[in-house]
Amino acid sequence: MAVGPTLIYTLILLFCAVAYAILQRSLLHVNGVDAPFLSAVETDIRGLLPIALYVVAMCTAFISTIVSDVILITVAGLLSFSRRPGPGTDRT
């Protein structure tokens, strides 16, 4: 099958996830420990789990691109369907 496009797409998604993690850490550093932002992201599994799953998907692409694509779809589902407003967020 097409290993190349799957690897490139997964690599782009991995870079986006790492950039999000860096942005989140920078905002935590700038706002300090008293900011409401800290309570919103203090246990952010959704921000770190995709990084691990993208690495697994890249390694799996050499074995089976279908399994790798299923992992990518699973990550998209985790990020899309698990968004619940937390306390203090706007629910409009």
Protein backbone atom coordinates (compact mmCIF):
# COMPACT_ATOMS: atom_id res chain seq x y z
CA MET A 1 0.00 0.00 0.00
CA ALA A 2 1.02 3.64 0.36
CA VAL A 3 3.40 3.92 3.29
CA GLY A 4 4.82 7.28 2.23
CA PRO A 5 1.62 9.37 2.38
CA THR A 6 0.60 7.76 5.66
CA LEU A 7 3.99 8.56 7.21
CA ILE A 8 3.99 12.15 5.98
CA TYR A 9 0.44 12.78 7.18
CA THR A 10 1.19 11.24 10.57
CA LEU A 11 4.40 13.25 10.87
CA ILE A 12 2.49 16.48 10.23
CA LEU A 13 -0.07 15.52 12.87
CA LEU A 14 2.76 14.68 15.29
CA PHE A 15 4.35 18.09 14.74
CA CYS A 16 0.98 19.76 15.41
CA ALA A 17 0.53 17.80 18.65
CA VAL A 18 4.03 18.68 19.82
CA ALA A 19 3.44 22.35 18.97
CA TYR A 20 0.22 22.27 21.00
CA ALA A 21 2.07 20.76 23.97
CA ILE A 22 4.79 23.42 23.74
CA LEU A 23 2.17 26.19 23.51
CA GLN A 24 0.33 24.83 26.52
CA ARG A 25 3.52 24.66 28.60
CA SER A 26 4.47 28.20 27.55
CA LEU A 27 1.06 29.56 28.51
CA LEU A 28 1.30 27.82 31.88
CA HIS A 29 4.71 29.39 32.42
CA VAL A 30 3.54 32.88 31.45
CA ASN A 31 0.27 32.84 33.41
CA GLY A 32 1.67 31.32 36.56
CA VAL A 33 0.18 28.83 38.99
CA ASP A 34 -2.67 31.09 40.15
CA ALA A 35 -4.29 31.46 36.73
CA PRO A 36 -7.62 29.83 35.88
CA PHE A 37 -5.89 28.41 32.81
CA LEU A 38 -4.02 25.99 35.06
CA SER A 39 -7.18 24.39 36.37
CA ALA A 40 -8.47 23.94 32.82
CA VAL A 41 -5.42 22.00 31.60
CA GLU A 42 -3.77 20.54 34.69
CA THR A 43 -4.70 16.94 33.81
CA ASP A 44 -4.68 17.17 30.04
CA ILE A 45 -4.45 13.59 28.83
CA ARG A 46 -5.95 14.61 25.49
CA GLY A 47 -2.92 16.78 24.82
CA LEU A 48 -0.29 14.11 25.50
CA LEU A 49 -2.04 10.93 24.38
CA PRO A 50 -2.10 11.87 20.68
CA ILE A 51 1.69 12.30 20.66
CA ALA A 52 2.16 8.72 21.81
CA LEU A 53 -0.49 7.39 19.44
CA TYR A 54 1.00 9.26 16.47
CA VAL A 55 4.39 7.66 17.15
CA VAL A 56 2.71 4.25 17.35
CA ALA A 57 0.87 4.97 14.09
CA MET A 58 4.14 5.91 12.37
CA CYS A 59 5.79 2.68 13.48
CA THR A 60 2.73 0.64 12.55
CA ALA A 61 2.60 2.16 9.05
CA PHE A 62 5.55 0.00 8.00
CA ILE A 63 3.63 -3.13 8.98
CA SER A 64 0.10 -2.21 7.95
CA THR A 65 -1.15 1.16 6.71
CA ILE A 66 -4.71 0.13 7.46
CA VAL A 67 -3.93 -0.34 11.16
CA SER A 68 -2.06 2.96 11.14
CA ASP A 69 -5.07 4.70 9.60
CA VAL A 70 -7.35 3.17 12.22
CA ILE A 71 -5.10 4.60 14.94
CA LEU A 72 -5.28 8.04 13.29
CA ILE A 73 -9.07 7.85 13.09
CA THR A 74 -9.18 6.80 16.74
CA VAL A 75 -7.13 9.84 17.75
CA ALA A 76 -9.45 12.09 15.74
CA GLY A 77 -12.42 10.53 17.48
CA LEU A 78 -10.85 11.01 20.89
CA LEU A 79 -10.20 14.66 20.18
CA SER A 80 -13.58 15.33 18.57
CA PHE A 81 -16.02 13.50 20.80
CA SER A 82 -14.48 13.95 24.24
CA ARG A 83 -14.83 17.71 24.41
CA ARG A 84 -16.85 18.49 27.52
CA PRO A 85 -17.00 22.01 28.87
CA GLY A 86 -15.22 22.27 32.15
CA PRO A 87 -16.06 24.46 35.09
CA GLY A 88 -15.75 28.13 34.30
CA THR A 89 -15.93 27.72 30.53
CA ASP A 90 -18.42 29.42 28.26
CA ARG A 91 -21.12 27.00 27.16
CA THR A 92 -22.59 29.04 24.31
